[in-house]
Amino acid sequence: MRKFTQVVLLSVAMLSVATPAMAEMKIAVLNYQMALLESDAAKRYAVDAEKKFGPQLSKLKKLESDAKSIQDRLVKGGQKLQTAERERLELDFKQKARDFQFQSKELNEQKAVADRDMLKKLKPNLDKAVEEVIKKGSYDLVLERGAVIDVKPQYDITRQVIERMNQLR
């Protein structure tokens, strides 16, 4: 019992010492991904990527549409079609499906490479903007927004980081 009392008294003493220090601690929350994606540079990249990958995406949509119409034709009139016609349509459908898979994979890989390059270029500015906002605000602790359940807007520094990043260019 005496040991328990000592532990309780020690805990209360520690809390009374820690409470003033915690009251002075300045805490902020940052949505790192949003700060990156909402920056002017990321928005410019999105427009450029749309222009660059748009034609390939259009070709993919056309392939998908063609395959879907062949499939519909096979499903609706499959029994009425002659064997040679049905086999030709099935073969055509399989070819279009393979082409779609191949081109889709190729497009995804190209887009992933472009995204990584963009991130490599933007990350140093983002890190610098984060560092400057933290230093300017004298924050003792900055948490990733995903690790926080709820936060009041005045503790969120994401918008400040975006603005600072846009100024860096």
C-alpha atoms as a PDB file:
ATOM      1  CA  MET A   1       0.000   0.000   0.000  1.00  0.00           C
ATOM      2  CA  ARG A   2       2.848   2.364   0.840  1.00  0.00           C
ATOM      3  CA  LYS A   3       4.477   1.724  -2.566  1.00  0.00           C
ATOM      4  CA  PHE A   4       1.177   2.510  -4.311  1.00  0.00           C
ATOM      5  CA  THR A   5       0.863   5.808  -2.430  1.00  0.00           C
ATOM      6  CA  GLN A   6       4.397   6.773  -3.437  1.00  0.00           C
ATOM      7  CA  VAL A   7       3.657   6.038  -7.105  1.00  0.00           C
ATOM      8  CA  VAL A   8       0.454   8.108  -6.994  1.00  0.00           C
ATOM      9  CA  LEU A   9       2.234  11.042  -5.332  1.00  0.00           C
ATOM     10  CA  LEU A  10       5.080  10.842  -7.835  1.00  0.00           C
ATOM     11  CA  SER A  11       2.595  10.785 -10.745  1.00  0.00           C
ATOM     12  CA  VAL A  12       0.749  13.829  -9.393  1.00  0.00           C
ATOM     13  CA  ALA A  13       4.053  15.665  -8.936  1.00  0.00           C
ATOM     14  CA  MET A  14       5.102  14.818 -12.511  1.00  0.00           C
ATOM     15  CA  LEU A  15       1.766  16.010 -13.883  1.00  0.00           C
ATOM     16  CA  SER A  16       1.967  19.296 -12.026  1.00  0.00           C
ATOM     17  CA  VAL A  17       5.441  19.875 -13.451  1.00  0.00           C
ATOM     18  CA  ALA A  18       4.472  18.819 -17.010  1.00  0.00           C
ATOM     19  CA  THR A  19       1.196  20.770 -17.197  1.00  0.00           C
ATOM     20  CA  PRO A  20       2.764  24.251 -17.424  1.00  0.00           C
ATOM     21  CA  ALA A  21       5.204  23.022 -20.055  1.00  0.00           C
ATOM     22  CA  MET A  22       2.395  21.528 -22.110  1.00  0.00           C
ATOM     23  CA  ALA A  23       0.351  24.708 -21.828  1.00  0.00           C
ATOM     24  CA  GLU A  24       3.192  26.590 -23.526  1.00  0.00           C
ATOM     25  CA  MET A  25       3.642  24.008 -26.292  1.00  0.00           C
ATOM     26  CA  LYS A  26       2.550  25.277 -29.703  1.00  0.00           C
ATOM     27  CA  ILE A  27       0.978  22.552 -31.847  1.00  0.00           C
ATOM     28  CA  ALA A  28      -0.110  22.555 -35.501  1.00  0.00           C
ATOM     29  CA  VAL A  29      -1.547  20.127 -38.019  1.00  0.00           C
ATOM     30  CA  LEU A  30      -0.457  19.786 -41.660  1.00  0.00           C
ATOM     31  CA  ASN A  31      -2.060  17.890 -44.523  1.00  0.00           C
ATOM     32  CA  TYR A  32       1.176  17.217 -46.413  1.00  0.00           C
ATOM     33  CA  GLN A  33      -0.484  15.628 -49.446  1.00  0.00           C
ATOM     34  CA  MET A  34      -3.022  18.420 -49.807  1.00  0.00           C
ATOM     35  CA  ALA A  35      -0.255  21.012 -49.527  1.00  0.00           C
ATOM     36  CA  LEU A  36       1.530  19.323 -52.410  1.00  0.00           C
ATOM     37  CA  LEU A  37      -1.501  18.771 -54.648  1.00  0.00           C
ATOM     38  CA  GLU A  38      -3.062  22.205 -54.094  1.00  0.00           C
ATOM     39  CA  SER A  39       0.092  24.095 -54.996  1.00  0.00           C
ATOM     40  CA  ASP A  40       0.165  26.085 -58.229  1.00  0.00           C
ATOM     41  CA  ALA A  41       2.984  23.904 -59.570  1.00  0.00           C
ATOM     42  CA  ALA A  42       0.985  20.704 -59.014  1.00  0.00           C
ATOM     43  CA  LYS A  43      -2.059  22.234 -60.693  1.00  0.00           C
ATOM     44  CA  ARG A  44       0.071  23.207 -63.703  1.00  0.00           C
ATOM     45  CA  TYR A  45       1.435  19.662 -63.819  1.00  0.00           C
ATOM     46  CA  ALA A  46      -2.121  18.244 -63.808  1.00  0.00           C
ATOM     47  CA  VAL A  47      -3.044  20.398 -66.815  1.00  0.00           C
ATOM     48  CA  ASP A  48       0.158  19.437 -68.647  1.00  0.00           C
ATOM     49  CA  ALA A  49      -0.382  15.749 -67.861  1.00  0.00           C
ATOM     50  CA  GLU A  50      -3.928  15.959 -69.201  1.00  0.00           C
ATOM     51  CA  LYS A  51      -2.572  17.374 -72.469  1.00  0.00           C
ATOM     52  CA  LYS A  52       0.265  14.854 -72.631  1.00  0.00           C
ATOM     53  CA  PHE A  53      -1.742  11.722 -71.778  1.00  0.00           C
ATOM     54  CA  GLY A  54      -5.116  12.819 -73.187  1.00  0.00           C
ATOM     55  CA  PRO A  55      -4.685  11.254 -76.645  1.00  0.00           C
ATOM     56  CA  GLN A  56      -3.672   7.903 -75.152  1.00  0.00           C
ATOM     57  CA  LEU A  57      -6.634   8.032 -72.775  1.00  0.00           C
ATOM     58  CA  SER A  58      -8.961   8.748 -75.718  1.00  0.00           C
ATOM     59  CA  LYS A  59      -7.582   5.721 -77.572  1.00  0.00           C
ATOM     60  CA  LEU A  60      -8.196   3.580 -74.492  1.00  0.00           C
ATOM     61  CA  LYS A  61     -11.785   4.793 -74.211  1.00  0.00           C
ATOM     62  CA  LYS A  62     -12.349   4.019 -77.907  1.00  0.00           C
ATOM     63  CA  LEU A  63     -10.929   0.510 -77.463  1.00  0.00           C
ATOM     64  CA  GLU A  64     -13.141  -0.047 -74.442  1.00  0.00           C
ATOM     65  CA  SER A  65     -16.188   1.195 -76.317  1.00  0.00           C
ATOM     66  CA  ASP A  66     -15.440  -1.029 -79.332  1.00  0.00           C
ATOM     67  CA  ALA A  67     -14.969  -4.083 -77.104  1.00  0.00           C
ATOM     68  CA  LYS A  68     -18.203  -3.334 -75.254  1.00  0.00           C
ATOM     69  CA  SER A  69     -20.183  -3.063 -78.506  1.00  0.00           C
ATOM     70  CA  ILE A  70     -18.748  -6.385 -79.744  1.00  0.00           C
ATOM     71  CA  GLN A  71     -19.612  -8.001 -76.421  1.00  0.00           C
ATOM     72  CA  ASP A  72     -23.160  -6.621 -76.581  1.00  0.00           C
ATOM     73  CA  ARG A  73     -23.532  -7.927 -80.130  1.00  0.00           C
ATOM     74  CA  LEU A  74     -22.326 -11.369 -79.015  1.00  0.00           C
ATOM     75  CA  VAL A  75     -24.662 -11.451 -76.026  1.00  0.00           C
ATOM     76  CA  LYS A  76     -27.763 -10.206 -77.834  1.00  0.00           C
ATOM     77  CA  GLY A  77     -27.400 -12.035 -81.109  1.00  0.00           C
ATOM     78  CA  GLY A  78     -24.951 -14.785 -80.281  1.00  0.00           C
ATOM     79  CA  GLN A  79     -27.384 -17.635 -80.994  1.00  0.00           C
ATOM     80  CA  LYS A  80     -28.555 -16.080 -84.262  1.00  0.00           C
ATOM     81  CA  LEU A  81     -25.037 -15.478 -85.601  1.00  0.00           C
ATOM     82  CA  GLN A  82     -23.412 -18.009 -87.864  1.00  0.00           C
ATOM     83  CA  THR A  83     -20.527 -19.904 -86.297  1.00  0.00           C
ATOM     84  CA  ALA A  84     -17.861 -18.201 -88.403  1.00  0.00           C
ATOM     85  CA  GLU A  85     -19.222 -14.730 -87.607  1.00  0.00           C
ATOM     86  CA  ARG A  86     -19.474 -15.517 -83.863  1.00  0.00           C
ATOM     87  CA  GLU A  87     -15.911 -16.878 -83.801  1.00  0.00           C
ATOM     88  CA  ARG A  88     -14.634 -13.802 -85.647  1.00  0.00           C
ATOM     89  CA  LEU A  89     -16.396 -11.498 -83.154  1.00  0.00           C
ATOM     90  CA  GLU A  90     -15.059 -13.478 -80.180  1.00  0.00           C
ATOM     91  CA  LEU A  91     -11.550 -13.309 -81.609  1.00  0.00           C
ATOM     92  CA  ASP A  92     -11.936  -9.565 -82.272  1.00  0.00           C
ATOM     93  CA  PHE A  93     -13.233  -9.047 -78.718  1.00  0.00           C
ATOM     94  CA  LYS A  94     -10.287 -10.940 -77.206  1.00  0.00           C
ATOM     95  CA  GLN A  95      -7.819  -8.924 -79.308  1.00  0.00           C
ATOM     96  CA  LYS A  96      -9.371  -5.620 -78.261  1.00  0.00           C
ATOM     97  CA  ALA A  97      -9.346  -6.737 -74.605  1.00  0.00           C
ATOM     98  CA  ARG A  98      -5.633  -7.624 -74.856  1.00  0.00           C
ATOM     99  CA  ASP A  99      -4.874  -4.312 -76.572  1.00  0.00           C
ATOM    100  CA  PHE A 100      -6.795  -2.460 -73.879  1.00  0.00           C
ATOM    101  CA  GLN A 101      -4.897  -4.221 -71.087  1.00  0.00           C
ATOM    102  CA  PHE A 102      -1.528  -3.624 -72.721  1.00  0.00           C
ATOM    103  CA  GLN A 103      -2.146   0.045 -73.538  1.00  0.00           C
ATOM    104  CA  SER A 104      -3.723   0.679 -70.139  1.00  0.00           C
ATOM    105  CA  LYS A 105      -0.696  -0.805 -68.364  1.00  0.00           C
ATOM    106  CA  GLU A 106       1.647   1.221 -70.560  1.00  0.00           C
ATOM    107  CA  LEU A 107      -0.255   4.451 -69.879  1.00  0.00           C
ATOM    108  CA  ASN A 108      -0.305   3.794 -66.122  1.00  0.00           C
ATOM    109  CA  GLU A 109       3.453   3.197 -66.108  1.00  0.00           C
ATOM    110  CA  GLN A 110       4.153   6.371 -68.092  1.00  0.00           C
ATOM    111  CA  LYS A 111       1.882   8.381 -65.791  1.00  0.00           C
ATOM    112  CA  ALA A 112       3.555   6.910 -62.692  1.00  0.00           C
ATOM    113  CA  VAL A 113       7.004   7.887 -64.005  1.00  0.00           C
ATOM    114  CA  ALA A 114       5.787  11.421 -64.761  1.00  0.00           C
ATOM    115  CA  ASP A 115       4.179  11.668 -61.304  1.00  0.00           C
ATOM    116  CA  ARG A 116       7.405  10.557 -59.595  1.00  0.00           C
ATOM    117  CA  ASP A 117       9.401  13.115 -61.589  1.00  0.00           C
ATOM    118  CA  MET A 118       6.954  15.846 -60.593  1.00  0.00           C
ATOM    119  CA  LEU A 119       7.143  14.826 -56.951  1.00  0.00           C
ATOM    120  CA  LYS A 120      10.939  14.805 -57.096  1.00  0.00           C
ATOM    121  CA  LYS A 121      10.885  18.387 -58.413  1.00  0.00           C
ATOM    122  CA  LEU A 122       8.254  19.718 -55.999  1.00  0.00           C
ATOM    123  CA  LYS A 123       9.317  17.981 -52.773  1.00  0.00           C
ATOM    124  CA  PRO A 124      12.303  20.243 -52.013  1.00  0.00           C
ATOM    125  CA  ASN A 125      10.105  23.364 -52.292  1.00  0.00           C
ATOM    126  CA  LEU A 126       7.401  21.737 -50.197  1.00  0.00           C
ATOM    127  CA  ASP A 127       9.903  20.757 -47.508  1.00  0.00           C
ATOM    128  CA  LYS A 128      11.359  24.267 -47.527  1.00  0.00           C
ATOM    129  CA  ALA A 129       7.886  25.841 -47.271  1.00  0.00           C
ATOM    130  CA  VAL A 130       6.960  23.541 -44.379  1.00  0.00           C
ATOM    131  CA  GLU A 131      10.199  24.352 -42.577  1.00  0.00           C
ATOM    132  CA  GLU A 132       9.710  28.114 -43.036  1.00  0.00           C
ATOM    133  CA  VAL A 133       6.085  28.058 -41.824  1.00  0.00           C
ATOM    134  CA  ILE A 134       7.043  25.968 -38.793  1.00  0.00           C
ATOM    135  CA  LYS A 135       9.922  28.274 -37.967  1.00  0.00           C
ATOM    136  CA  LYS A 136       7.849  31.439 -38.502  1.00  0.00           C
ATOM    137  CA  GLY A 137       5.034  30.108 -36.322  1.00  0.00           C
ATOM    138  CA  SER A 138       7.439  28.764 -33.672  1.00  0.00           C
ATOM    139  CA  TYR A 139       5.628  25.434 -33.553  1.00  0.00           C
ATOM    140  CA  ASP A 140       6.913  22.842 -31.105  1.00  0.00           C
ATOM    141  CA  LEU A 141       4.956  19.954 -32.608  1.00  0.00           C
ATOM    142  CA  VAL A 142       3.462  19.473 -36.089  1.00  0.00           C
ATOM    143  CA  LEU A 143       1.276  16.441 -36.735  1.00  0.00           C
ATOM    144  CA  GLU A 144       0.212  14.939 -40.051  1.00  0.00           C
ATOM    145  CA  ARG A 145      -3.507  15.583 -40.590  1.00  0.00           C
ATOM    146  CA  GLY A 146      -4.156  11.879 -41.171  1.00  0.00           C
ATOM    147  CA  ALA A 147      -2.998  11.103 -37.620  1.00  0.00           C
ATOM    148  CA  VAL A 148      -5.505  13.514 -36.075  1.00  0.00           C
ATOM    149  CA  ILE A 149      -9.198  12.803 -35.619  1.00  0.00           C
ATOM    150  CA  ASP A 150     -10.384  16.386 -35.370  1.00  0.00           C
ATOM    151  CA  VAL A 151      -8.695  19.770 -35.283  1.00  0.00           C
ATOM    152  CA  LYS A 152      -9.846  23.357 -35.100  1.00  0.00           C
ATOM    153  CA  PRO A 153      -9.044  25.326 -38.280  1.00  0.00           C
ATOM    154  CA  GLN A 154      -6.732  27.750 -36.472  1.00  0.00           C
ATOM    155  CA  TYR A 155      -4.307  24.879 -35.777  1.00  0.00           C
ATOM    156  CA  ASP A 156      -4.142  23.734 -39.420  1.00  0.00           C
ATOM    157  CA  ILE A 157      -1.143  25.269 -41.244  1.00  0.00           C
ATOM    158  CA  THR A 158      -1.767  23.569 -44.597  1.00  0.00           C
ATOM    159  CA  ARG A 159      -3.025  26.716 -46.325  1.00  0.00           C
ATOM    160  CA  GLN A 160      -0.010  28.695 -45.064  1.00  0.00           C
ATOM    161  CA  VAL A 161       2.338  26.032 -46.459  1.00  0.00           C
ATOM    162  CA  ILE A 162       0.563  26.119 -49.844  1.00  0.00           C
ATOM    163  CA  GLU A 163       0.844  29.908 -49.995  1.00  0.00           C
ATOM    164  CA  ARG A 164       4.520  29.815 -49.051  1.00  0.00           C
ATOM    165  CA  MET A 165       5.228  27.083 -51.592  1.00  0.00           C
ATOM    166  CA  ASN A 166       3.527  29.134 -54.321  1.00  0.00           C
ATOM    167  CA  GLN A 167       5.801  32.072 -53.441  1.00  0.00           C
ATOM    168  CA  LEU A 168       8.966  29.958 -53.745  1.00  0.00           C
ATOM    169  CA  ARG A 169       8.552  28.830 -57.362  1.00  0.00           C
END
